[in-house]
Amino acid sequence: MARRRLDVPRTRPTMSAAGAAPHGRRRRPGEDDGASGIGLIVDSTVLLTPDERARISHVLEGRFAVVPLSVIVDDVEHVDGELAASALCEAMVGGARVSTSMPTVHAFTEAFHRLRELGSDHIIVLTLSAALSGTHGSAEAAGAQLDVPVTVIDTRTTSAAAGGAALVIVDGVSEGRGPAALRSAAEDYLRDETFVVFCPATLEHLERGGRIGRAASLLGRALSIVPVLGLRDGLVDATARVRTVRKAHARMITDALAAARAMGSADVTVLVSEGSLDDADDAAREVHARMEEAARAEGWGISADVLSPVLTAHVGPGAVGIVVRGRS
């Protein structure tokens, strides 16, 4: 069956033009090593709160955009974020055929041109792991056609962990750092100051999307093994294998606490597939309660958020995860 597109207006890449600097003469590439003309693009799986997005747009004087991936439900394509997480989970439980689609080269090209018109003389792009999606390749292909420099960073992760790198870049811009220093700071942060662990309710959706091997999925089901998953070298990998969901969640909490303590000062985000923590099951709320108790004792930041629908399409309903970000 041919794919049908949802009959609603496509949202353009998210961008605020508020406070955009007057154009004046555009600096030639390489003329200024500072950060005054930096633009930033992220894909829609990069989790940022509304306050964080507003801060980024303010610091960059509007030179900020979000390029969306898409989730396809029974051949109807929805721009990421257009379909509520709860509606997607309900469709998946009901047996809907669900897949995802990366942004086109044209989508990135459009965003690049808009940022250039706002005065960007160097554009930095953060994408989810290139090992999990072709989004990074689309951004690179679009960047090669642009007449201003583009730096595409493979975060080798996604969600709130990748969002932390966006904040590191904005902090660097505020300090006047140039593109090379910004890239180095973001990559160091992603390598040393982020930790991701999650537990899906079933491996079925990860297997179907090719994010884990069929053999591993079949073995897990046959032996009633519940894996604790993380990201290693940008790929989904089992960090532990236990016999029950309760034990998997306990191991997830133990590993996240160890990572946060190693970082010293941290922000912790508990992520669920459903529309909110209240919509999630008791086990997910227990994970949040235990992490919240530890965060208060240690002086860490703690929050709960919802996965991008594109990510939910791969991990499925009932998934719960923890992201730990160091405070740089």
Protein backbone atom coordinates (compact mmCIF):
# COMPACT_ATOMS: atom_id res chain seq x y z
CA MET A 1 0.00 0.00 0.00
CA ALA A 2 1.33 3.46 -0.89
CA ARG A 3 2.17 5.67 2.05
CA ARG A 4 -0.44 8.34 2.70
CA ARG A 5 0.61 11.62 4.19
CA LEU A 6 -1.37 13.14 7.03
CA ASP A 7 -3.53 15.94 5.64
CA VAL A 8 -2.32 18.68 7.95
CA PRO A 9 0.10 21.55 7.34
CA ARG A 10 3.74 20.55 7.70
CA THR A 11 5.47 22.40 10.45
CA ARG A 12 8.57 24.18 9.31
CA PRO A 13 11.75 23.72 11.32
CA THR A 14 11.19 25.34 14.70
CA MET A 15 12.86 28.71 14.88
CA SER A 16 12.37 31.94 16.74
CA ALA A 17 13.36 35.09 14.91
CA ALA A 18 12.97 37.21 18.02
CA GLY A 19 15.98 39.40 18.55
CA ALA A 20 17.65 38.32 15.29
CA ALA A 21 20.64 40.50 14.57
CA PRO A 22 20.45 42.91 11.64
CA HIS A 23 22.11 41.43 8.62
CA GLY A 24 24.71 44.00 7.69
CA ARG A 25 27.75 42.57 5.89
CA ARG A 26 28.02 38.81 6.19
CA ARG A 27 31.48 37.69 7.24
CA ARG A 28 33.28 35.43 4.83
CA PRO A 29 33.88 31.85 6.05
CA GLY A 30 36.93 31.77 8.29
CA GLU A 31 37.17 35.57 8.58
CA ASP A 32 36.17 35.55 12.23
CA ASP A 33 37.01 32.65 14.53
CA GLY A 34 34.58 33.89 17.20
CA ALA A 35 31.06 32.69 17.91
CA SER A 36 28.98 35.75 17.02
CA GLY A 37 27.44 34.17 13.91
CA ILE A 38 26.95 30.60 15.12
CA GLY A 39 23.68 28.88 14.23
CA LEU A 40 22.48 25.62 15.77
CA ILE A 41 20.23 22.89 14.38
CA VAL A 42 19.09 19.77 16.21
CA ASP A 43 16.85 16.95 15.07
CA SER A 44 13.54 16.33 16.80
CA THR A 45 14.77 13.42 18.92
CA VAL A 46 17.11 15.79 20.78
CA LEU A 47 15.16 16.48 23.97
CA LEU A 48 15.11 20.08 25.18
CA THR A 49 12.59 21.63 27.54
CA PRO A 50 10.67 24.73 26.39
CA ASP A 51 12.83 26.85 28.70
CA GLU A 52 16.01 25.35 27.23
CA ARG A 53 14.81 26.02 23.68
CA ALA A 54 13.97 29.60 24.59
CA ARG A 55 17.40 30.10 26.15
CA ILE A 56 19.16 28.68 23.09
CA SER A 57 17.17 30.91 20.74
CA HIS A 58 17.87 33.96 22.91
CA VAL A 59 21.63 33.39 23.10
CA LEU A 60 21.86 32.65 19.37
CA GLU A 61 19.61 35.60 18.47
CA GLY A 62 17.09 33.31 16.78
CA ARG A 63 19.63 31.25 14.84
CA PHE A 64 18.20 27.95 16.08
CA ALA A 65 16.10 25.32 14.30
CA VAL A 66 14.67 21.85 14.91
CA VAL A 67 14.45 19.54 11.89
CA PRO A 68 11.83 16.84 12.49
CA LEU A 69 11.91 13.15 11.78
CA SER A 70 8.57 11.44 11.07
CA VAL A 71 6.63 8.54 12.52
CA ILE A 72 4.42 6.51 10.17
CA VAL A 73 1.33 4.79 11.56
CA ASP A 74 -0.56 2.51 9.17
CA ASP A 75 0.89 4.40 6.18
CA VAL A 76 -0.03 7.84 7.54
CA GLU A 77 3.03 10.03 8.11
CA HIS A 78 3.13 12.34 11.13
CA VAL A 79 5.84 14.91 11.76
CA ASP A 80 7.56 14.07 15.05
CA GLY A 81 5.62 15.68 17.88
CA GLU A 82 2.46 16.06 15.82
CA LEU A 83 1.02 12.81 17.15
CA ALA A 84 0.60 12.66 20.93
CA ALA A 85 2.73 10.05 22.67
CA SER A 86 -0.34 8.52 24.30
CA ALA A 87 -2.07 8.17 20.91
CA LEU A 88 1.00 6.49 19.43
CA CYS A 89 1.25 4.04 22.33
CA GLU A 90 -2.45 3.24 22.00
CA ALA A 91 -2.01 2.58 18.27
CA MET A 92 0.99 0.31 18.89
CA VAL A 93 -0.87 -1.68 21.54
CA GLY A 94 -3.71 -2.04 19.05
CA GLY A 95 -1.39 -3.61 16.48
CA ALA A 96 -0.84 -0.65 14.15
CA ARG A 97 2.07 -0.86 11.71
CA VAL A 98 4.57 1.72 12.91
CA SER A 99 7.84 2.86 11.37
CA THR A 100 9.93 6.02 11.22
CA SER A 101 11.48 8.20 8.55
CA MET A 102 14.55 10.41 8.73
CA PRO A 103 14.55 14.03 7.52
CA THR A 104 15.29 14.57 3.86
CA VAL A 105 18.31 16.46 2.60
CA HIS A 106 15.86 19.15 1.46
CA ALA A 107 14.53 19.58 5.01
CA PHE A 108 18.03 20.32 6.29
CA THR A 109 18.80 22.55 3.30
CA GLU A 110 15.69 24.61 4.04
CA ALA A 111 16.73 25.03 7.68
CA PHE A 112 20.30 25.95 6.67
CA HIS A 113 19.08 28.67 4.33
CA ARG A 114 16.79 30.16 6.98
CA LEU A 115 19.62 30.31 9.53
CA ARG A 116 21.94 31.81 6.95
CA GLU A 117 19.36 34.53 6.26
CA LEU A 118 19.35 35.26 10.00
CA GLY A 119 23.08 35.93 9.86
CA SER A 120 24.67 32.54 10.57
CA ASP A 121 28.21 32.31 9.22
CA HIS A 122 28.81 28.85 10.70
CA ILE A 123 26.09 26.29 11.45
CA ILE A 124 26.46 23.43 13.92
CA VAL A 125 24.13 20.42 13.69
CA LEU A 126 23.50 17.85 16.42
CA THR A 127 21.93 14.57 15.31
CA LEU A 128 20.96 11.37 17.03
CA SER A 129 23.42 8.50 16.68
CA ALA A 130 24.44 7.89 13.07
CA ALA A 131 24.49 4.18 13.89
CA LEU A 132 20.73 4.33 14.54
CA SER A 133 19.51 6.69 11.83
CA GLY A 134 20.43 8.21 8.48
CA THR A 135 19.64 11.68 9.86
CA HIS A 136 23.35 12.46 10.25
CA GLY A 137 23.97 11.58 6.60
CA SER A 138 21.11 13.81 5.42
CA ALA A 139 22.55 16.73 7.38
CA GLU A 140 26.03 16.18 5.96
CA ALA A 141 24.73 15.96 2.40
CA ALA A 142 22.79 19.20 2.82
CA GLY A 143 25.73 20.93 4.46
CA ALA A 144 28.01 20.07 1.55
CA GLN A 145 25.79 22.20 -0.71
CA LEU A 146 25.85 25.31 1.48
CA ASP A 147 28.09 28.33 0.95
CA VAL A 148 28.79 28.75 4.68
CA PRO A 149 30.62 26.19 6.84
CA VAL A 150 28.53 23.46 8.47
CA THR A 151 29.72 21.21 11.30
CA VAL A 152 27.62 18.06 11.75
CA ILE A 153 28.16 16.30 15.08
CA ASP A 154 27.15 12.67 15.57
CA THR A 155 26.08 12.67 19.21
CA ARG A 156 26.22 8.84 19.28
CA THR A 157 23.21 9.10 21.59
CA THR A 158 19.80 10.78 21.59
CA SER A 159 17.07 12.41 23.71
CA ALA A 160 18.09 14.35 26.83
CA ALA A 161 21.73 13.27 26.53
CA ALA A 162 22.00 14.94 23.13
CA GLY A 163 20.08 17.91 24.53
CA GLY A 164 22.86 18.43 27.06
CA ALA A 165 25.34 18.88 24.21
CA ALA A 166 23.17 21.65 22.76
CA LEU A 167 23.40 23.49 26.08
CA VAL A 168 27.18 23.04 26.15
CA ILE A 169 27.39 24.63 22.70
CA VAL A 170 25.25 27.58 23.77
CA ASP A 171 27.36 28.09 26.89
CA GLY A 172 30.43 28.11 24.64
CA VAL A 173 28.87 30.67 22.33
CA SER A 174 28.19 32.88 25.36
CA GLU A 175 31.88 32.62 26.21
CA GLY A 176 32.91 33.60 22.68
CA ARG A 177 34.29 30.23 21.59
CA GLY A 178 34.69 29.47 17.91
CA PRO A 179 33.31 26.46 15.97
CA ALA A 180 36.26 24.12 16.54
CA ALA A 181 36.24 24.72 20.29
CA LEU A 182 32.45 24.30 20.40
CA ARG A 183 32.66 20.97 18.60
CA SER A 184 35.41 19.75 20.91
CA ALA A 185 33.48 20.80 24.02
CA ALA A 186 30.30 19.06 22.82
CA GLU A 187 32.08 15.84 21.91
CA ASP A 188 33.98 15.77 25.22
CA TYR A 189 30.71 16.30 27.07
CA LEU A 190 28.90 13.56 25.16
CA ARG A 191 31.72 11.12 25.82
CA ASP A 192 32.40 11.91 29.47
CA GLU A 193 29.29 13.55 30.94
CA THR A 194 26.29 11.60 29.64
CA PHE A 195 24.81 8.24 30.58
CA VAL A 196 21.75 6.53 29.09
CA VAL A 197 20.03 3.38 30.33
CA PHE A 198 16.56 2.08 29.51
CA CYS A 199 14.31 -0.92 29.77
CA PRO A 200 11.64 -1.67 27.13
CA ALA A 201 8.55 -3.65 28.04
CA THR A 202 9.35 -5.93 25.09
CA LEU A 203 12.18 -6.32 22.57
CA GLU A 204 9.69 -6.73 19.73
CA HIS A 205 9.77 -3.12 18.53
CA LEU A 206 13.56 -2.78 18.69
CA GLU A 207 13.91 -6.01 16.73
CA ARG A 208 11.36 -4.94 14.12
CA GLY A 209 13.17 -1.66 13.59
CA GLY A 210 16.55 -3.38 13.28
CA ARG A 211 17.96 -1.78 16.44
CA ILE A 212 18.77 -5.17 17.98
CA GLY A 213 19.41 -8.52 16.35
CA ARG A 214 16.64 -11.07 15.90
CA ALA A 215 18.73 -13.74 17.61
CA ALA A 216 19.12 -11.63 20.76
CA SER A 217 15.40 -10.91 20.78
CA LEU A 218 14.40 -14.54 20.35
CA LEU A 219 16.88 -15.67 23.01
CA GLY A 220 15.53 -13.11 25.45
CA ARG A 221 11.97 -14.30 24.94
CA ALA A 222 12.90 -17.99 25.11
CA LEU A 223 14.79 -17.61 28.39
CA SER A 224 12.43 -15.01 29.88
CA ILE A 225 15.34 -12.59 30.11
CA VAL A 226 14.69 -8.89 30.61
CA PRO A 227 17.60 -6.80 29.29
CA VAL A 228 18.81 -3.50 30.64
CA LEU A 229 19.87 -1.53 27.58
CA GLY A 230 22.22 1.34 26.95
CA LEU A 231 24.10 2.95 24.09
CA ARG A 232 27.60 1.76 23.32
CA ASP A 233 29.48 3.27 20.37
CA GLY A 234 26.17 4.72 19.28
CA LEU A 235 24.41 1.35 19.14
CA VAL A 236 21.80 -0.20 21.43
CA ASP A 237 23.53 -2.78 23.60
CA ALA A 238 22.58 -4.87 26.63
CA THR A 239 24.36 -3.71 29.78
CA ALA A 240 22.75 -6.39 31.96
CA ARG A 241 20.33 -9.31 31.68
CA VAL A 242 18.01 -10.22 34.52
CA ARG A 243 14.88 -12.32 35.00
CA THR A 244 12.18 -9.80 35.89
CA VAL A 245 11.18 -6.25 35.01
CA ARG A 246 11.49 -5.27 38.69
CA LYS A 247 15.11 -6.48 38.74
CA ALA A 248 15.79 -4.71 35.45
CA HIS A 249 14.49 -1.43 36.85
CA ALA A 250 16.52 -1.92 40.04
CA ARG A 251 19.68 -2.47 37.98
CA MET A 252 18.88 0.55 35.84
CA ILE A 253 18.58 2.71 38.97
CA THR A 254 21.82 1.32 40.43
CA ASP A 255 23.75 2.04 37.24
CA ALA A 256 22.29 5.53 36.87
CA LEU A 257 23.11 6.42 40.48
CA ALA A 258 26.69 5.22 39.99
CA ALA A 259 27.04 7.33 36.85
CA ALA A 260 25.62 10.43 38.52
CA ARG A 261 27.91 10.06 41.53
CA ALA A 262 30.92 9.64 39.25
CA MET A 263 30.01 12.92 37.54
CA GLY A 264 29.75 14.69 40.90
CA SER A 265 27.13 17.24 39.93
CA ALA A 266 24.36 15.95 37.69
CA ASP A 267 20.91 16.42 36.24
CA VAL A 268 18.75 13.29 36.01
CA THR A 269 15.82 12.82 33.62
CA VAL A 270 13.45 9.87 33.86
CA LEU A 271 11.87 9.18 30.47
CA VAL A 272 8.68 7.30 29.66
CA SER A 273 6.95 6.35 26.40
CA GLU A 274 3.51 7.48 27.50
CA GLY A 275 2.15 11.03 27.47
CA SER A 276 3.32 11.80 31.01
CA LEU A 277 4.62 10.12 34.14
CA ASP A 278 1.03 9.97 35.39
CA ASP A 279 0.08 7.96 32.30
CA ALA A 280 2.92 5.48 32.82
CA ASP A 281 2.60 2.32 34.88
CA ASP A 282 3.37 1.95 38.58
CA ALA A 283 6.82 0.51 37.88
CA ALA A 284 7.87 3.62 35.92
CA ARG A 285 6.59 5.91 38.67
CA GLU A 286 8.56 3.87 41.20
CA VAL A 287 11.73 4.40 39.14
CA HIS A 288 11.11 8.14 39.20
CA ALA A 289 10.34 8.15 42.94
CA ARG A 290 13.59 6.36 43.77
CA MET A 291 15.67 8.60 41.52
CA GLU A 292 13.95 11.69 42.94
CA GLU A 293 14.77 10.60 46.50
CA ALA A 294 18.43 10.09 45.60
CA ALA A 295 18.61 13.36 43.65
CA ARG A 296 17.30 15.36 46.58
CA ALA A 297 19.79 13.74 48.93
CA GLU A 298 22.70 14.38 46.55
CA GLY A 299 21.66 17.83 45.35
CA TRP A 300 21.12 16.76 41.73
CA GLY A 301 18.51 18.11 39.38
CA ILE A 302 15.60 15.72 38.71
CA SER A 303 12.86 15.81 36.09
CA ALA A 304 10.51 13.53 34.18
CA ASP A 305 9.80 13.80 30.47
CA VAL A 306 8.39 11.94 27.50
CA LEU A 307 10.34 10.30 24.71
CA SER A 308 10.03 11.68 21.21
CA PRO A 309 7.33 9.68 19.37
CA VAL A 310 10.01 8.66 16.87
CA LEU A 311 11.97 7.00 19.68
CA THR A 312 8.81 5.49 21.17
CA ALA A 313 8.16 3.87 17.79
CA HIS A 314 11.35 1.86 18.36
CA VAL A 315 11.25 1.11 22.10
CA GLY A 316 7.48 0.67 22.33
CA PRO A 317 4.86 1.41 24.99
CA GLY A 318 5.82 0.81 28.60
CA ALA A 319 9.49 1.67 28.15
CA VAL A 320 11.23 3.62 30.89
CA GLY A 321 14.70 5.12 30.79
CA ILE A 322 17.09 7.30 32.76
CA VAL A 323 19.43 9.91 31.34
CA VAL A 324 22.19 11.38 33.49
CA ARG A 325 23.91 14.58 32.39
CA GLY A 326 26.88 16.13 34.10
CA ARG A 327 26.76 19.81 34.93
CA SER A 328 29.61 21.41 33.07
